[in-house]
Amino acid sequence: MKTVASAIEFGTSKIITLIAESGSFTRCEIVGSGTVPYAGYSNGEWNDRAGLQPAIEAAVNAAEVEAKRRIQSIFVGVPSEYIHVTTAVGEADILSPDGRVTEDEIMRVMDDAADQLKLGEAGGNVLHRSPAWFSVDGGRHTMSPIGAKGKRLSALVSFIQADPYFIEDVRGCLAALGIEVSAFLAPALGMAILLMSFDERDKTPILIDVGYLNTEVSVVEGDALTFHAVLPIGGGDITAALAESLQISMDEAEAIKRDYIFTPDEFDAQSDPQVRLENGSVITFPRSFVSQTIESVTEELVDDILQTFRYADEYIAARSQVYITGGGLVNMRGAKEYLAEKLNRSVRIPVVKAARLNNPRFSSSLGLMDLVFDAVEQQASDAGESGGGPLKGLKNIFRKQSAEE
């Protein structure tokens, strides 16, 4: 019997609802999707609270129509604006009779990290707690500590908390549609795990998700986000700057932005951008003027990213690879090469292995769905095991790692 699950994600400019079922050859297949533009959010507030409910309803209805099934329960992705990442190193004595690490030590070291951060007093809702690494007696870092012999286990543990305001607000919106929330999850974590192999995550990569209204910078290690920041600048700022400087509409400016080439050949460098205006006429703009507008905003984004790297210096290594995704910049030709030069780091655009929605602007939504199927599989595993076992959410971490290795 196939497993069916639904998820909804709140981007900076669109709400995406997905319905997926377990596939014959892939982990899951998208059978229904609904994408609806809306005003988004900024500074922790909805830009148009009154328009939120109808946008959610439209996205849900579109997915239901395509999938030919009703959504009764749904997993909700908490956007970057409403999450907070903290880390701590936990420690625990190895108390097993043979001096080897067991599941009990794993849970105690995770609990110790949580106690150090006093998460219960912070007021947020903990969505995920994930290990970046484990170490026995100060030895090498590993993600497979079970069975290792020693006296003391330590671990760097990441906690992702969500703003209660977002949780209560969205829960209420979905309840009005007769939909129950299965769980709240962080797409940022799902995206990192989906887009990078375990070996890649072991090298502390940096994931940059350039959206329409903001840019998300995450440092990844093991199965955790060790650093996370949201920059209030995105692809929409480039579009807005073009619209203002060229005195055209946002849609017309977006068309010019999409066709822009950061690293043009001789022919492209001599071609001036054209756009068909809303009145049907075609107008040409000097490439030099368009280039100055686009690249001045992009350089501002790069400066903010570099400043963020300095804040995250303790988590980033000299070898840290930069991965860039999202719809705000990646789809512009030459963006990868331009960023690599400006950031002075190797830059990759990870490929989403999906039959549908395999565009970087859907990376976050597909990462959320990957987390959803983790949760569904874990629930099935717990239901089939006597007492559920002490590891709960950690079991799939080790299972997935073993499969990748």
Protein backbone atom coordinates (compact mmCIF):
# COMPACT_ATOMS: atom_id res chain seq x y z
CA MET A 1 0.00 0.00 0.00
CA LYS A 2 1.39 3.39 -0.99
CA THR A 3 2.03 6.07 1.59
CA VAL A 4 0.51 9.48 0.83
CA ALA A 5 1.59 12.71 2.55
CA SER A 6 0.99 16.43 2.08
CA ALA A 7 3.15 19.46 2.83
CA ILE A 8 2.81 23.22 2.56
CA GLU A 9 5.69 25.67 2.34
CA PHE A 10 5.64 29.44 2.75
CA GLY A 11 8.20 31.08 0.49
CA THR A 12 8.95 34.78 0.33
CA SER A 13 6.70 35.27 -2.69
CA LYS A 14 4.66 32.08 -3.10
CA ILE A 15 2.90 29.36 -1.13
CA ILE A 16 3.48 25.83 -2.40
CA THR A 17 1.35 22.83 -1.46
CA LEU A 18 2.54 19.35 -2.43
CA ILE A 19 0.87 15.95 -2.28
CA ALA A 20 3.23 13.00 -2.71
CA GLU A 21 3.00 9.23 -2.58
CA SER A 22 5.69 6.63 -2.12
CA GLY A 23 7.04 5.62 -5.52
CA SER A 24 7.99 2.33 -7.08
CA PHE A 25 11.47 3.48 -8.12
CA THR A 26 11.90 6.69 -6.11
CA ARG A 27 11.32 7.54 -2.49
CA CYS A 28 8.26 9.62 -3.34
CA GLU A 29 6.50 11.05 -6.35
CA ILE A 30 4.69 14.39 -6.48
CA VAL A 31 1.10 13.67 -7.57
CA GLY A 32 -0.36 17.10 -6.90
CA SER A 33 1.00 20.62 -6.50
CA GLY A 34 -0.37 24.10 -6.06
CA THR A 35 1.71 27.28 -6.31
CA VAL A 36 0.06 30.59 -5.44
CA PRO A 37 1.76 34.01 -5.28
CA TYR A 38 1.23 36.09 -2.16
CA ALA A 39 2.79 39.06 -0.38
CA GLY A 40 5.15 37.00 1.79
CA TYR A 41 6.70 38.22 5.02
CA SER A 42 9.47 40.47 6.31
CA ASN A 43 10.92 41.20 9.73
CA GLY A 44 8.90 38.37 11.23
CA GLU A 45 5.53 39.74 10.08
CA TRP A 46 3.18 38.92 7.21
CA ASN A 47 3.20 41.65 4.57
CA ASP A 48 -0.51 41.10 3.92
CA ARG A 49 -2.16 39.15 6.74
CA ALA A 50 -5.63 39.51 5.18
CA GLY A 51 -4.42 37.84 1.98
CA LEU A 52 -2.81 34.88 3.75
CA GLN A 53 -5.92 32.73 4.27
CA PRO A 54 -7.19 32.88 0.67
CA ALA A 55 -3.67 32.19 -0.65
CA ILE A 56 -3.37 29.08 1.54
CA GLU A 57 -6.80 27.90 0.45
CA ALA A 58 -5.97 28.42 -3.24
CA ALA A 59 -2.66 26.51 -2.97
CA VAL A 60 -4.33 23.62 -1.13
CA ASN A 61 -7.22 23.46 -3.59
CA ALA A 62 -4.90 23.42 -6.61
CA ALA A 63 -2.90 20.49 -5.20
CA GLU A 64 -6.08 18.60 -4.29
CA VAL A 65 -7.55 19.03 -7.79
CA GLU A 66 -4.40 17.75 -9.48
CA ALA A 67 -3.98 14.81 -7.11
CA LYS A 68 -7.71 14.04 -7.10
CA ARG A 69 -7.74 13.64 -3.33
CA ARG A 70 -8.58 15.72 -0.28
CA ILE A 71 -6.00 16.85 2.24
CA GLN A 72 -7.02 16.05 5.80
CA SER A 73 -3.66 16.47 7.50
CA ILE A 74 -0.54 18.29 6.40
CA PHE A 75 3.09 18.89 7.34
CA VAL A 76 4.00 22.58 7.52
CA GLY A 77 7.37 24.02 6.55
CA VAL A 78 8.46 26.87 8.82
CA PRO A 79 10.24 29.50 6.70
CA SER A 80 13.68 30.86 7.49
CA GLU A 81 12.27 34.11 8.85
CA TYR A 82 10.65 32.20 11.72
CA ILE A 83 13.36 29.75 12.77
CA HIS A 84 16.40 30.06 15.01
CA VAL A 85 19.40 27.71 15.05
CA THR A 86 21.52 27.18 18.17
CA THR A 87 24.25 24.67 18.93
CA ALA A 88 25.96 23.25 21.99
CA VAL A 89 28.47 20.50 22.75
CA GLY A 90 26.91 17.90 25.03
CA GLU A 91 28.81 15.33 27.08
CA ALA A 92 27.89 12.09 28.82
CA ASP A 93 29.76 9.29 30.58
CA ILE A 94 29.66 5.92 28.84
CA LEU A 95 27.93 3.75 31.45
CA SER A 96 27.36 0.50 29.57
CA PRO A 97 28.93 -2.60 31.21
CA ASP A 98 31.36 -3.16 28.34
CA GLY A 99 32.27 0.53 28.02
CA ARG A 100 30.76 0.88 24.55
CA VAL A 101 28.46 3.62 23.28
CA THR A 102 24.80 2.63 23.22
CA GLU A 103 21.58 4.42 22.31
CA ASP A 104 21.31 5.52 25.94
CA GLU A 105 24.56 7.53 25.71
CA ILE A 106 23.34 9.10 22.46
CA MET A 107 20.17 10.35 24.10
CA ARG A 108 21.96 11.58 27.24
CA VAL A 109 24.53 13.56 25.27
CA MET A 110 21.76 15.17 23.22
CA ASP A 111 19.84 15.99 26.41
CA ASP A 112 22.94 17.53 27.96
CA ALA A 113 23.34 19.85 24.97
CA ALA A 114 19.68 20.89 25.30
CA ASP A 115 20.11 21.54 29.03
CA GLN A 116 23.08 23.81 28.37
CA LEU A 117 21.00 25.98 26.03
CA LYS A 118 18.01 26.08 28.43
CA LEU A 119 15.67 25.66 25.50
CA GLY A 120 12.64 25.36 27.73
CA GLU A 121 13.13 28.96 28.83
CA ALA A 122 13.61 30.34 25.29
CA GLY A 123 9.91 30.22 24.42
CA GLY A 124 10.28 28.68 20.95
CA ASN A 125 9.12 25.32 19.68
CA VAL A 126 11.94 22.83 18.99
CA LEU A 127 11.40 21.36 15.52
CA HIS A 128 14.63 19.38 15.16
CA ARG A 129 17.65 18.37 17.16
CA SER A 130 20.40 16.93 15.01
CA PRO A 131 24.00 15.85 15.56
CA ALA A 132 26.82 17.50 13.62
CA TRP A 133 29.34 15.02 15.01
CA PHE A 134 30.11 12.64 17.87
CA SER A 135 33.46 12.01 19.56
CA VAL A 136 34.59 9.35 22.02
CA ASP A 137 37.24 10.46 24.54
CA GLY A 138 38.09 13.49 22.40
CA GLY A 139 38.95 11.38 19.36
CA ARG A 140 38.07 11.92 15.73
CA HIS A 141 34.60 13.13 14.79
CA THR A 142 32.17 10.51 13.55
CA MET A 143 28.50 10.08 12.83
CA SER A 144 28.58 6.38 13.80
CA PRO A 145 29.46 6.26 17.51
CA ILE A 146 27.35 3.21 18.42
CA GLY A 147 29.64 0.43 19.60
CA ALA A 148 32.73 2.63 20.02
CA LYS A 149 34.60 1.93 23.27
CA GLY A 150 35.64 4.64 25.71
CA LYS A 151 34.77 6.57 28.86
CA ARG A 152 33.06 9.73 27.65
CA LEU A 153 30.95 10.68 24.65
CA SER A 154 30.65 14.23 23.33
CA ALA A 155 28.64 15.67 20.45
CA LEU A 156 27.95 18.96 18.71
CA VAL A 157 24.15 19.17 18.59
CA SER A 158 22.05 21.61 16.59
CA PHE A 159 18.56 22.71 17.63
CA ILE A 160 16.10 24.40 15.30
CA GLN A 161 13.36 26.35 17.05
CA ALA A 162 10.30 27.98 15.53
CA ASP A 163 8.52 31.21 16.39
CA PRO A 164 5.27 30.40 18.26
CA TYR A 165 3.57 33.28 16.41
CA PHE A 166 4.00 31.53 13.06
CA ILE A 167 2.91 28.16 14.40
CA GLU A 168 -0.30 29.39 16.00
CA ASP A 169 -1.22 31.63 13.07
CA VAL A 170 -0.77 28.96 10.40
CA ARG A 171 -2.39 26.27 12.54
CA GLY A 172 -5.45 28.51 12.78
CA CYS A 173 -5.54 29.16 9.02
CA LEU A 174 -5.40 25.44 8.24
CA ALA A 175 -7.97 24.58 10.93
CA ALA A 176 -10.38 26.95 9.20
CA LEU A 177 -10.05 24.69 6.13
CA GLY A 178 -10.62 21.56 8.20
CA ILE A 179 -6.98 20.48 7.91
CA GLU A 180 -4.98 19.17 10.86
CA VAL A 181 -1.26 19.93 11.18
CA SER A 182 0.76 16.71 11.39
CA ALA A 183 3.98 18.49 12.38
CA PHE A 184 6.02 21.62 11.77
CA LEU A 185 9.38 21.10 10.04
CA ALA A 186 12.28 23.27 8.84
CA PRO A 187 12.71 23.12 5.04
CA ALA A 188 16.20 24.60 5.45
CA LEU A 189 17.36 21.36 7.08
CA GLY A 190 15.54 19.15 4.59
CA MET A 191 17.01 21.07 1.67
CA ALA A 192 20.57 20.67 3.01
CA ILE A 193 20.18 16.91 3.45
CA LEU A 194 18.40 16.46 0.12
CA LEU A 195 20.87 18.45 -1.98
CA MET A 196 24.13 17.15 -0.50
CA SER A 197 25.45 13.65 0.06
CA PHE A 198 26.71 12.63 3.48
CA ASP A 199 30.32 12.92 2.29
CA GLU A 200 29.65 16.47 1.09
CA ARG A 201 27.98 17.42 4.38
CA ASP A 202 30.98 16.07 6.26
CA LYS A 203 33.09 18.89 4.78
CA THR A 204 31.08 21.76 6.36
CA PRO A 205 29.54 23.14 3.15
CA ILE A 206 27.71 26.46 2.92
CA LEU A 207 24.22 26.47 1.42
CA ILE A 208 22.95 29.80 0.04
CA ASP A 209 19.28 29.94 -0.89
CA VAL A 210 18.56 33.18 -2.75
CA GLY A 211 14.81 33.80 -2.66
CA TYR A 212 12.73 36.67 -3.93
CA LEU A 213 12.69 38.82 -0.77
CA ASN A 214 15.54 37.36 1.27
CA THR A 215 18.61 35.13 1.17
CA GLU A 216 19.24 32.25 3.54
CA VAL A 217 22.81 31.28 4.47
CA SER A 218 23.32 27.95 6.26
CA VAL A 219 26.44 26.07 7.31
CA VAL A 220 25.94 22.33 7.31
CA GLU A 221 27.82 19.57 9.12
CA GLY A 222 26.78 15.96 9.46
CA ASP A 223 22.98 15.97 9.71
CA ALA A 224 22.74 19.44 11.22
CA LEU A 225 22.65 23.13 10.51
CA THR A 226 25.37 24.61 12.68
CA PHE A 227 24.79 28.19 11.55
CA HIS A 228 21.83 29.93 9.95
CA ALA A 229 21.19 33.53 8.97
CA VAL A 230 18.60 35.38 6.90
CA LEU A 231 19.65 38.40 4.84
CA PRO A 232 16.94 40.93 3.89
CA ILE A 233 17.88 41.01 0.21
CA GLY A 234 16.98 38.72 -2.68
CA GLY A 235 16.24 38.46 -6.36
CA GLY A 236 13.26 40.75 -6.00
CA ASP A 237 15.59 43.59 -5.08
CA ILE A 238 17.27 43.25 -8.47
CA THR A 239 13.88 43.35 -10.18
CA ALA A 240 12.77 46.38 -8.15
CA ALA A 241 15.99 48.26 -8.94
CA LEU A 242 15.52 47.59 -12.65
CA ALA A 243 11.89 48.69 -12.56
CA GLU A 244 12.84 51.94 -10.86
CA SER A 245 15.88 52.78 -12.98
CA LEU A 246 14.25 51.85 -16.31
CA GLN A 247 10.81 53.18 -15.36
CA ILE A 248 9.05 49.93 -16.29
CA SER A 249 6.72 47.52 -14.46
CA MET A 250 7.96 44.75 -12.15
CA ASP A 251 6.89 42.08 -14.66
CA GLU A 252 8.81 43.82 -17.44
CA ALA A 253 11.85 44.19 -15.18
CA GLU A 254 11.65 40.53 -14.22
CA ALA A 255 11.76 39.57 -17.91
CA ILE A 256 14.95 41.59 -18.40
CA LYS A 257 16.49 40.08 -15.27
CA ARG A 258 15.77 36.51 -16.41
CA ASP A 259 17.48 37.12 -19.76
CA TYR A 260 20.53 38.87 -18.30
CA ILE A 261 23.93 37.16 -18.69
CA PHE A 262 26.60 37.85 -16.06
CA THR A 263 29.44 36.46 -18.18
CA PRO A 264 28.51 37.34 -21.78
CA ASP A 265 30.43 36.32 -24.85
CA GLU A 266 31.36 38.96 -27.43
CA PHE A 267 27.99 38.72 -29.17
CA ASP A 268 25.96 38.93 -25.96
CA ALA A 269 28.06 41.84 -24.70
CA GLN A 270 27.08 43.85 -27.75
CA SER A 271 23.37 42.96 -27.54
CA ASP A 272 21.14 45.41 -25.73
CA PRO A 273 18.26 43.95 -23.65
CA GLN A 274 14.76 44.29 -25.05
CA VAL A 275 11.41 43.98 -23.38
CA ARG A 276 7.86 43.96 -24.67
CA LEU A 277 5.91 46.52 -22.69
CA GLU A 278 2.39 46.01 -21.45
CA ASN A 279 1.08 48.20 -24.29
CA GLY A 280 2.61 45.82 -26.85
CA SER A 281 5.53 47.98 -27.93
CA VAL A 282 9.16 46.77 -27.74
CA ILE A 283 11.81 48.93 -26.11
CA THR A 284 15.59 48.49 -26.02
CA PHE A 285 17.84 49.49 -23.11
CA PRO A 286 21.63 49.90 -23.19
CA ARG A 287 23.28 46.78 -21.78
CA SER A 288 25.80 48.92 -19.88
CA PHE A 289 23.00 50.65 -17.97
CA VAL A 290 21.15 47.39 -17.25
CA SER A 291 24.41 45.74 -16.19
CA GLN A 292 25.25 48.55 -13.79
CA THR A 293 21.82 48.26 -12.13
CA ILE A 294 21.80 44.47 -11.82
CA GLU A 295 25.38 44.06 -10.68
CA SER A 296 25.26 46.88 -8.13
CA VAL A 297 22.44 45.07 -6.29
CA THR A 298 24.15 41.70 -6.72
CA GLU A 299 27.38 43.11 -5.28
CA GLU A 300 25.40 44.36 -2.28
CA LEU A 301 24.11 40.80 -1.82
CA VAL A 302 27.66 39.44 -2.12
CA ASP A 303 28.92 41.92 0.49
CA ASP A 304 26.19 40.78 2.90
CA ILE A 305 27.07 37.14 2.28
CA LEU A 306 30.77 37.75 2.91
CA GLN A 307 29.92 39.58 6.14
CA THR A 308 27.82 36.59 7.17
CA PHE A 309 30.75 34.28 6.46
CA ARG A 310 32.78 36.29 8.96
CA TYR A 311 30.06 35.81 11.61
CA ALA A 312 30.05 32.07 10.88
CA ASP A 313 33.85 31.76 10.82
CA GLU A 314 34.01 29.17 13.63
CA TYR A 315 31.79 26.78 11.63
CA ILE A 316 33.31 27.31 8.17
CA ALA A 317 36.49 25.63 6.96
CA ALA A 318 38.91 26.79 4.27
CA ARG A 319 37.67 23.87 2.15
CA SER A 320 33.96 24.66 2.63
CA GLN A 321 32.16 24.34 -0.69
CA VAL A 322 29.45 26.86 -1.53
CA TYR A 323 26.17 25.53 -2.91
CA ILE A 324 23.64 27.99 -4.28
CA THR A 325 19.95 27.39 -4.93
CA GLY A 326 16.64 29.24 -4.96
CA GLY A 327 14.84 31.15 -7.69
CA GLY A 328 16.21 34.61 -6.97
CA LEU A 329 19.55 34.34 -8.76
CA VAL A 330 20.46 30.80 -9.88
CA ASN A 331 18.38 30.89 -13.06
CA MET A 332 20.32 33.91 -14.37
CA ARG A 333 23.02 32.75 -16.77
CA GLY A 334 26.55 33.10 -15.47
CA ALA A 335 25.41 33.64 -11.87
CA LYS A 336 27.46 30.68 -10.60
CA GLU A 337 30.69 31.94 -12.17
CA TYR A 338 30.02 35.50 -11.05
CA LEU A 339 29.47 34.43 -7.43
CA ALA A 340 32.51 32.14 -7.45
CA GLU A 341 34.70 35.07 -8.46
CA LYS A 342 33.18 37.50 -5.95
CA LEU A 343 33.13 35.02 -3.03
CA ASN A 344 36.56 33.62 -3.93
CA ARG A 345 35.21 30.11 -3.38
CA SER A 346 34.14 27.25 -5.57
CA VAL A 347 30.39 27.44 -6.20
CA ARG A 348 28.08 24.60 -7.24
CA ILE A 349 24.42 24.52 -8.17
CA PRO A 350 23.08 21.23 -6.75
CA VAL A 351 20.69 19.25 -8.92
CA VAL A 352 17.38 18.20 -7.41
CA LYS A 353 16.72 14.63 -8.44
CA ALA A 354 12.99 14.82 -8.97
CA ALA A 355 10.72 13.96 -11.86
CA ARG A 356 8.79 17.17 -11.26
CA LEU A 357 9.65 20.61 -9.91
CA ASN A 358 13.36 19.99 -10.61
CA ASN A 359 14.13 23.69 -10.70
CA PRO A 360 16.28 25.36 -8.01
CA ARG A 361 13.33 27.55 -6.99
CA PHE A 362 11.58 24.41 -5.72
CA SER A 363 14.59 23.03 -3.78
CA SER A 364 13.17 24.13 -0.45
CA SER A 365 9.76 22.53 -1.12
CA LEU A 366 11.34 19.23 -2.16
CA GLY A 367 13.61 19.36 0.89
CA LEU A 368 10.51 19.76 3.04
CA MET A 369 8.89 16.74 1.40
CA ASP A 370 12.04 14.70 2.05
CA LEU A 371 11.71 15.55 5.74
CA VAL A 372 8.04 14.63 5.60
CA PHE A 373 8.81 11.13 4.37
CA ASP A 374 11.50 10.84 7.06
CA ALA A 375 8.81 11.62 9.62
CA VAL A 376 6.27 9.25 8.05
CA GLU A 377 8.79 6.41 7.89
CA GLN A 378 9.82 7.05 11.48
CA GLN A 379 6.21 6.96 12.66
CA ALA A 380 5.73 3.63 10.89
CA SER A 381 8.97 2.31 12.43
CA ASP A 382 7.98 3.40 15.92
CA ALA A 383 4.53 1.85 15.53
CA GLY A 384 6.11 -1.47 14.56
CA GLU A 385 8.57 -1.58 17.47
CA SER A 386 7.69 -2.44 21.03
CA GLY A 387 7.84 0.77 23.05
CA GLY A 388 9.12 2.76 20.08
CA GLY A 389 12.75 2.65 21.23
CA PRO A 390 14.71 5.50 22.80
CA LEU A 391 16.21 6.97 19.65
CA LYS A 392 13.05 7.99 17.80
CA GLY A 393 14.09 10.73 15.34
CA LEU A 394 17.74 9.68 15.42
CA LYS A 395 17.15 6.22 14.01
CA ASN A 396 16.65 7.39 10.47
CA ILE A 397 19.78 9.54 10.69
CA PHE A 398 21.95 6.47 11.16
CA ARG A 399 19.95 4.42 8.66
CA LYS A 400 20.29 7.09 5.96
CA GLN A 401 23.98 7.52 6.68
CA SER A 402 24.61 3.79 6.38
CA ALA A 403 22.79 3.70 3.05
CA GLU A 404 24.90 6.58 1.71
CA GLU A 405 28.13 5.04 2.88
